Amino acid sequence: MSKISITPNPSGTGVFTISSPATNTDRTLTLPDEAGTVLTSASSIPTSALTGNITQNAGPAFRSRKGGANQALNNNTWTKVSFQTEIFDTDNSFDNATNFRFTPLVAGYYQINATVLSQFFTAIAGSIYKNGSGDVYAVGVGTSAQLYSSVTISDISYLNGSTDYVEIYAYQASGAGTNMMDGQCSFSAAMVRAA
């Protein structure tokens, strides 16, 4: 039978108390069969010491796409893209009915991605709008042999977890109106690091 030995430190004067929580359930604490220090919530672990699979606390994440019908994309006008179909939304942070915006309630750094596809060939631009203003821009150009043009935007942005929000806008200057294609435009975001 293995034994448990508690060894006091001769140079310390404090009292080390092991106390149990108020519970009506029997609990078993199983120690690993190896030497080492038991970590606590106050432990600082260097990245070089981490091994094996580590599961990070999950932050907000969502993915959506255009649904319903093609959306008009007027000439020389920045147009907010309405993403009506949610693929997933872990924290109910994406509004797919009214504002078509992502407003996470956890402060952190978020990877934001979007693709916008126009119905016929034209130069097209896209922008990640943060709090109502263009923050990141990208331009895509199709070829005359293609039936569509697309642009993909990607960035990491800090969102404060209370009032910050992001939306996707598109722009084209073909001289005539076109459409953003239903089911072919997507918008997603996920927290990559807590604040």
C-alpha atoms as a PDB file:
ATOM      1  CA  MET A   1       0.000   0.000   0.000  1.00  0.00           C
ATOM      2  CA  SER A   2       1.319   3.442  -0.954  1.00  0.00           C
ATOM      3  CA  LYS A   3       1.649   5.974   1.825  1.00  0.00           C
ATOM      4  CA  ILE A   4       1.153   9.749   1.996  1.00  0.00           C
ATOM      5  CA  SER A   5       3.856  11.720   3.781  1.00  0.00           C
ATOM      6  CA  ILE A   6       3.531  15.391   4.719  1.00  0.00           C
ATOM      7  CA  THR A   7       6.932  16.998   5.240  1.00  0.00           C
ATOM      8  CA  PRO A   8       7.071  20.380   7.009  1.00  0.00           C
ATOM      9  CA  ASN A   9       9.634  23.004   6.002  1.00  0.00           C
ATOM     10  CA  PRO A  10      11.942  23.706   8.986  1.00  0.00           C
ATOM     11  CA  SER A  11      12.638  27.314   7.982  1.00  0.00           C
ATOM     12  CA  GLY A  12       9.010  28.412   7.626  1.00  0.00           C
ATOM     13  CA  THR A  13       6.795  29.755  10.425  1.00  0.00           C
ATOM     14  CA  GLY A  14       3.424  29.783   8.658  1.00  0.00           C
ATOM     15  CA  VAL A  15       0.753  27.139   9.062  1.00  0.00           C
ATOM     16  CA  PHE A  16      -0.235  25.267   5.900  1.00  0.00           C
ATOM     17  CA  THR A  17      -3.919  24.370   6.143  1.00  0.00           C
ATOM     18  CA  ILE A  18      -5.700  21.923   3.873  1.00  0.00           C
ATOM     19  CA  SER A  19      -9.427  22.544   3.992  1.00  0.00           C
ATOM     20  CA  SER A  20     -12.344  21.018   2.148  1.00  0.00           C
ATOM     21  CA  PRO A  21     -15.302  22.882   0.644  1.00  0.00           C
ATOM     22  CA  ALA A  22     -18.818  22.450   1.993  1.00  0.00           C
ATOM     23  CA  THR A  23     -20.027  19.415   0.053  1.00  0.00           C
ATOM     24  CA  ASN A  24     -22.239  16.384   0.579  1.00  0.00           C
ATOM     25  CA  THR A  25     -20.441  14.410  -2.132  1.00  0.00           C
ATOM     26  CA  ASP A  26     -17.345  12.266  -1.652  1.00  0.00           C
ATOM     27  CA  ARG A  27     -14.445  13.505  -3.761  1.00  0.00           C
ATOM     28  CA  THR A  28     -11.133  11.897  -4.660  1.00  0.00           C
ATOM     29  CA  LEU A  29      -8.008  13.873  -5.497  1.00  0.00           C
ATOM     30  CA  THR A  30      -5.640  11.647  -7.467  1.00  0.00           C
ATOM     31  CA  LEU A  31      -2.008  12.730  -7.721  1.00  0.00           C
ATOM     32  CA  PRO A  32       0.076  11.707 -10.757  1.00  0.00           C
ATOM     33  CA  ASP A  33       2.755   9.043 -10.318  1.00  0.00           C
ATOM     34  CA  GLU A  34       5.613  11.465 -10.895  1.00  0.00           C
ATOM     35  CA  ALA A  35       7.657  14.087  -9.078  1.00  0.00           C
ATOM     36  CA  GLY A  36       6.814  17.752  -9.479  1.00  0.00           C
ATOM     37  CA  THR A  37       4.940  20.739  -8.134  1.00  0.00           C
ATOM     38  CA  VAL A  38       1.148  20.866  -8.012  1.00  0.00           C
ATOM     39  CA  LEU A  39      -0.045  23.922  -9.960  1.00  0.00           C
ATOM     40  CA  THR A  40      -2.664  26.343  -8.709  1.00  0.00           C
ATOM     41  CA  SER A  41      -4.616  29.198 -10.282  1.00  0.00           C
ATOM     42  CA  ALA A  42      -1.775  31.502  -9.184  1.00  0.00           C
ATOM     43  CA  SER A  43       0.888  29.485 -11.053  1.00  0.00           C
ATOM     44  CA  SER A  44       2.748  31.095 -13.935  1.00  0.00           C
ATOM     45  CA  ILE A  45       3.577  28.545 -16.626  1.00  0.00           C
ATOM     46  CA  PRO A  46       6.099  29.442 -19.331  1.00  0.00           C
ATOM     47  CA  THR A  47       5.086  28.454 -22.847  1.00  0.00           C
ATOM     48  CA  SER A  48       8.197  26.264 -23.169  1.00  0.00           C
ATOM     49  CA  ALA A  49       6.929  24.075 -20.310  1.00  0.00           C
ATOM     50  CA  LEU A  50       3.570  23.316 -21.912  1.00  0.00           C
ATOM     51  CA  THR A  51       3.194  19.892 -23.488  1.00  0.00           C
ATOM     52  CA  GLY A  52       0.294  17.802 -24.718  1.00  0.00           C
ATOM     53  CA  ASN A  53      -3.116  19.082 -25.723  1.00  0.00           C
ATOM     54  CA  ILE A  54      -4.250  22.309 -24.090  1.00  0.00           C
ATOM     55  CA  THR A  55      -7.840  23.474 -24.276  1.00  0.00           C
ATOM     56  CA  GLN A  56      -8.269  27.235 -24.097  1.00  0.00           C
ATOM     57  CA  ASN A  57     -11.409  28.769 -22.663  1.00  0.00           C
ATOM     58  CA  ALA A  58     -13.747  29.232 -25.569  1.00  0.00           C
ATOM     59  CA  GLY A  59     -14.468  32.805 -26.617  1.00  0.00           C
ATOM     60  CA  PRO A  60     -17.210  34.099 -28.905  1.00  0.00           C
ATOM     61  CA  ALA A  61     -17.177  32.823 -32.484  1.00  0.00           C
ATOM     62  CA  PHE A  62     -19.652  32.908 -35.347  1.00  0.00           C
ATOM     63  CA  ARG A  63     -19.985  32.235 -39.051  1.00  0.00           C
ATOM     64  CA  SER A  64     -22.721  33.507 -41.362  1.00  0.00           C
ATOM     65  CA  ARG A  65     -23.508  33.877 -45.043  1.00  0.00           C
ATOM     66  CA  LYS A  66     -25.941  35.737 -47.228  1.00  0.00           C
ATOM     67  CA  GLY A  67     -29.317  34.079 -47.406  1.00  0.00           C
ATOM     68  CA  GLY A  68     -32.667  34.806 -48.976  1.00  0.00           C
ATOM     69  CA  ALA A  69     -31.988  36.695 -52.212  1.00  0.00           C
ATOM     70  CA  ASN A  70     -29.182  38.504 -53.988  1.00  0.00           C
ATOM     71  CA  GLN A  71     -28.547  41.939 -52.499  1.00  0.00           C
ATOM     72  CA  ALA A  72     -28.231  45.042 -54.683  1.00  0.00           C
ATOM     73  CA  LEU A  73     -24.791  46.613 -54.844  1.00  0.00           C
ATOM     74  CA  ASN A  74     -25.240  50.094 -56.276  1.00  0.00           C
ATOM     75  CA  ASN A  75     -22.581  51.938 -58.235  1.00  0.00           C
ATOM     76  CA  ASN A  76     -20.128  54.160 -56.281  1.00  0.00           C
ATOM     77  CA  THR A  77     -21.804  53.425 -52.926  1.00  0.00           C
ATOM     78  CA  TRP A  78     -20.531  51.633 -49.829  1.00  0.00           C
ATOM     79  CA  THR A  79     -23.267  49.116 -48.985  1.00  0.00           C
ATOM     80  CA  LYS A  80     -23.558  47.120 -45.771  1.00  0.00           C
ATOM     81  CA  VAL A  81     -23.767  43.412 -46.570  1.00  0.00           C
ATOM     82  CA  SER A  82     -26.749  41.697 -44.925  1.00  0.00           C
ATOM     83  CA  PHE A  83     -25.708  38.237 -43.740  1.00  0.00           C
ATOM     84  CA  GLN A  84     -29.019  36.588 -42.817  1.00  0.00           C
ATOM     85  CA  THR A  85     -28.028  32.920 -42.405  1.00  0.00           C
ATOM     86  CA  GLU A  86     -26.093  31.887 -39.297  1.00  0.00           C
ATOM     87  CA  ILE A  87     -24.002  28.749 -39.608  1.00  0.00           C
ATOM     88  CA  PHE A  88     -23.102  28.960 -35.909  1.00  0.00           C
ATOM     89  CA  ASP A  89     -23.034  31.656 -33.216  1.00  0.00           C
ATOM     90  CA  THR A  90     -21.578  30.409 -29.934  1.00  0.00           C
ATOM     91  CA  ASP A  91     -22.523  33.410 -27.783  1.00  0.00           C
ATOM     92  CA  ASN A  92     -25.420  34.983 -29.693  1.00  0.00           C
ATOM     93  CA  SER A  93     -23.098  37.865 -30.582  1.00  0.00           C
ATOM     94  CA  PHE A  94     -24.082  38.205 -34.237  1.00  0.00           C
ATOM     95  CA  ASP A  95     -27.277  39.995 -35.273  1.00  0.00           C
ATOM     96  CA  ASN A  96     -28.475  38.310 -38.467  1.00  0.00           C
ATOM     97  CA  ALA A  97     -31.890  40.037 -38.542  1.00  0.00           C
ATOM     98  CA  THR A  98     -31.499  43.800 -38.097  1.00  0.00           C
ATOM     99  CA  ASN A  99     -28.000  45.295 -37.986  1.00  0.00           C
ATOM    100  CA  PHE A 100     -25.967  42.399 -39.421  1.00  0.00           C
ATOM    101  CA  ARG A 101     -23.155  43.125 -37.008  1.00  0.00           C
ATOM    102  CA  PHE A 102     -20.907  41.198 -34.623  1.00  0.00           C
ATOM    103  CA  THR A 103     -20.897  42.610 -31.064  1.00  0.00           C
ATOM    104  CA  PRO A 104     -19.032  40.215 -28.745  1.00  0.00           C
ATOM    105  CA  LEU A 105     -19.532  40.612 -25.003  1.00  0.00           C
ATOM    106  CA  VAL A 106     -16.035  39.375 -24.162  1.00  0.00           C
ATOM    107  CA  ALA A 107     -13.101  41.782 -24.540  1.00  0.00           C
ATOM    108  CA  GLY A 108     -10.289  40.446 -26.663  1.00  0.00           C
ATOM    109  CA  TYR A 109      -8.530  40.205 -30.000  1.00  0.00           C
ATOM    110  CA  TYR A 110     -10.657  38.788 -32.805  1.00  0.00           C
ATOM    111  CA  GLN A 111      -9.820  37.262 -36.167  1.00  0.00           C
ATOM    112  CA  ILE A 112     -12.349  38.706 -38.640  1.00  0.00           C
ATOM    113  CA  ASN A 113     -12.911  37.293 -42.134  1.00  0.00           C
ATOM    114  CA  ALA A 114     -15.293  38.118 -44.959  1.00  0.00           C
ATOM    115  CA  THR A 115     -15.779  37.313 -48.634  1.00  0.00           C
ATOM    116  CA  VAL A 116     -18.069  39.281 -50.945  1.00  0.00           C
ATOM    117  CA  LEU A 117     -18.980  38.024 -54.418  1.00  0.00           C
ATOM    118  CA  SER A 118     -20.587  40.222 -57.095  1.00  0.00           C
ATOM    119  CA  GLN A 119     -22.913  38.809 -59.728  1.00  0.00           C
ATOM    120  CA  PHE A 120     -20.898  39.834 -62.769  1.00  0.00           C
ATOM    121  CA  PHE A 121     -17.423  41.007 -63.631  1.00  0.00           C
ATOM    122  CA  THR A 122     -16.394  44.277 -62.039  1.00  0.00           C
ATOM    123  CA  ALA A 123     -13.738  45.572 -59.679  1.00  0.00           C
ATOM    124  CA  ILE A 124     -15.083  45.181 -56.162  1.00  0.00           C
ATOM    125  CA  ALA A 125     -13.875  46.477 -52.796  1.00  0.00           C
ATOM    126  CA  GLY A 126     -14.698  45.294 -49.314  1.00  0.00           C
ATOM    127  CA  SER A 127     -14.220  46.783 -45.894  1.00  0.00           C
ATOM    128  CA  ILE A 128     -14.394  45.690 -42.279  1.00  0.00           C
ATOM    129  CA  TYR A 129     -16.219  48.537 -40.550  1.00  0.00           C
ATOM    130  CA  LYS A 130     -15.553  48.971 -36.835  1.00  0.00           C
ATOM    131  CA  ASN A 131     -18.081  51.046 -34.882  1.00  0.00           C
ATOM    132  CA  GLY A 132     -19.536  52.482 -38.091  1.00  0.00           C
ATOM    133  CA  SER A 133     -16.286  53.490 -39.814  1.00  0.00           C
ATOM    134  CA  GLY A 134     -14.139  51.734 -42.401  1.00  0.00           C
ATOM    135  CA  ASP A 135     -11.177  50.113 -40.650  1.00  0.00           C
ATOM    136  CA  VAL A 136      -9.639  47.634 -43.119  1.00  0.00           C
ATOM    137  CA  TYR A 137     -10.033  47.624 -46.912  1.00  0.00           C
ATOM    138  CA  ALA A 138      -9.316  45.183 -49.729  1.00  0.00           C
ATOM    139  CA  VAL A 139      -9.890  45.247 -53.495  1.00  0.00           C
ATOM    140  CA  GLY A 140     -10.606  42.311 -55.783  1.00  0.00           C
ATOM    141  CA  VAL A 141     -10.660  42.274 -59.581  1.00  0.00           C
ATOM    142  CA  GLY A 142     -12.134  39.568 -61.779  1.00  0.00           C
ATOM    143  CA  THR A 143     -11.390  38.940 -65.441  1.00  0.00           C
ATOM    144  CA  SER A 144     -13.660  39.408 -68.411  1.00  0.00           C
ATOM    145  CA  ALA A 145     -13.880  35.623 -68.797  1.00  0.00           C
ATOM    146  CA  GLN A 146     -15.421  35.306 -65.346  1.00  0.00           C
ATOM    147  CA  LEU A 147     -19.069  35.751 -64.515  1.00  0.00           C
ATOM    148  CA  TYR A 148     -18.348  37.259 -61.108  1.00  0.00           C
ATOM    149  CA  SER A 149     -15.779  39.144 -59.027  1.00  0.00           C
ATOM    150  CA  SER A 150     -14.907  38.607 -55.393  1.00  0.00           C
ATOM    151  CA  VAL A 151     -12.872  40.124 -52.596  1.00  0.00           C
ATOM    152  CA  THR A 152     -11.721  38.605 -49.319  1.00  0.00           C
ATOM    153  CA  ILE A 153     -10.906  40.681 -46.235  1.00  0.00           C
ATOM    154  CA  SER A 154      -9.112  39.414 -43.143  1.00  0.00           C
ATOM    155  CA  ASP A 155      -7.734  41.154 -40.070  1.00  0.00           C
ATOM    156  CA  ILE A 156      -7.266  40.904 -36.301  1.00  0.00           C
ATOM    157  CA  SER A 157      -9.009  43.620 -34.310  1.00  0.00           C
ATOM    158  CA  TYR A 158      -9.359  44.445 -30.619  1.00  0.00           C
ATOM    159  CA  LEU A 159     -13.007  44.591 -29.472  1.00  0.00           C
ATOM    160  CA  ASN A 160     -13.792  45.893 -25.976  1.00  0.00           C
ATOM    161  CA  GLY A 161     -16.550  43.379 -25.148  1.00  0.00           C
ATOM    162  CA  SER A 162     -19.250  45.980 -24.565  1.00  0.00           C
ATOM    163  CA  THR A 163     -19.755  48.594 -27.280  1.00  0.00           C
ATOM    164  CA  ASP A 164     -17.371  47.669 -30.110  1.00  0.00           C
ATOM    165  CA  TYR A 165     -18.924  46.018 -33.163  1.00  0.00           C
ATOM    166  CA  VAL A 166     -17.917  45.073 -36.699  1.00  0.00           C
ATOM    167  CA  GLU A 167     -19.831  44.956 -39.989  1.00  0.00           C
ATOM    168  CA  ILE A 168     -18.914  44.232 -43.606  1.00  0.00           C
ATOM    169  CA  TYR A 169     -19.380  46.744 -46.444  1.00  0.00           C
ATOM    170  CA  ALA A 170     -18.877  46.367 -50.190  1.00  0.00           C
ATOM    171  CA  TYR A 171     -18.291  48.853 -53.020  1.00  0.00           C
ATOM    172  CA  GLN A 172     -18.104  48.727 -56.796  1.00  0.00           C
ATOM    173  CA  ALA A 173     -17.656  51.356 -59.506  1.00  0.00           C
ATOM    174  CA  SER A 174     -18.602  49.578 -62.724  1.00  0.00           C
ATOM    175  CA  GLY A 175     -20.895  52.395 -63.806  1.00  0.00           C
ATOM    176  CA  ALA A 176     -24.025  50.312 -63.207  1.00  0.00           C
ATOM    177  CA  GLY A 177     -25.633  48.388 -60.401  1.00  0.00           C
ATOM    178  CA  THR A 178     -24.896  44.748 -59.700  1.00  0.00           C
ATOM    179  CA  ASN A 179     -25.798  42.195 -57.008  1.00  0.00           C
ATOM    180  CA  MET A 180     -23.985  40.440 -54.204  1.00  0.00           C
ATOM    181  CA  MET A 181     -24.731  36.783 -54.642  1.00  0.00           C
ATOM    182  CA  ASP A 182     -26.920  34.887 -52.198  1.00  0.00           C
ATOM    183  CA  GLY A 183     -25.113  32.057 -50.450  1.00  0.00           C
ATOM    184  CA  GLN A 184     -21.693  33.069 -51.829  1.00  0.00           C
ATOM    185  CA  CYS A 185     -20.812  35.851 -49.369  1.00  0.00           C
ATOM    186  CA  SER A 186     -19.567  34.954 -45.888  1.00  0.00           C
ATOM    187  CA  PHE A 187     -18.650  36.702 -42.632  1.00  0.00           C
ATOM    188  CA  SER A 188     -16.999  35.107 -39.605  1.00  0.00           C
ATOM    189  CA  ALA A 189     -15.070  36.037 -36.482  1.00  0.00           C
ATOM    190  CA  ALA A 190     -13.520  34.288 -33.493  1.00  0.00           C
ATOM    191  CA  MET A 191     -11.620  35.424 -30.425  1.00  0.00           C
ATOM    192  CA  VAL A 192      -7.960  34.457 -30.696  1.00  0.00           C
ATOM    193  CA  ARG A 193      -6.756  36.003 -27.426  1.00  0.00           C
ATOM    194  CA  ALA A 194      -8.492  37.391 -24.382  1.00  0.00           C
ATOM    195  CA  ALA A 195      -7.787  40.989 -23.396  1.00  0.00           C
END
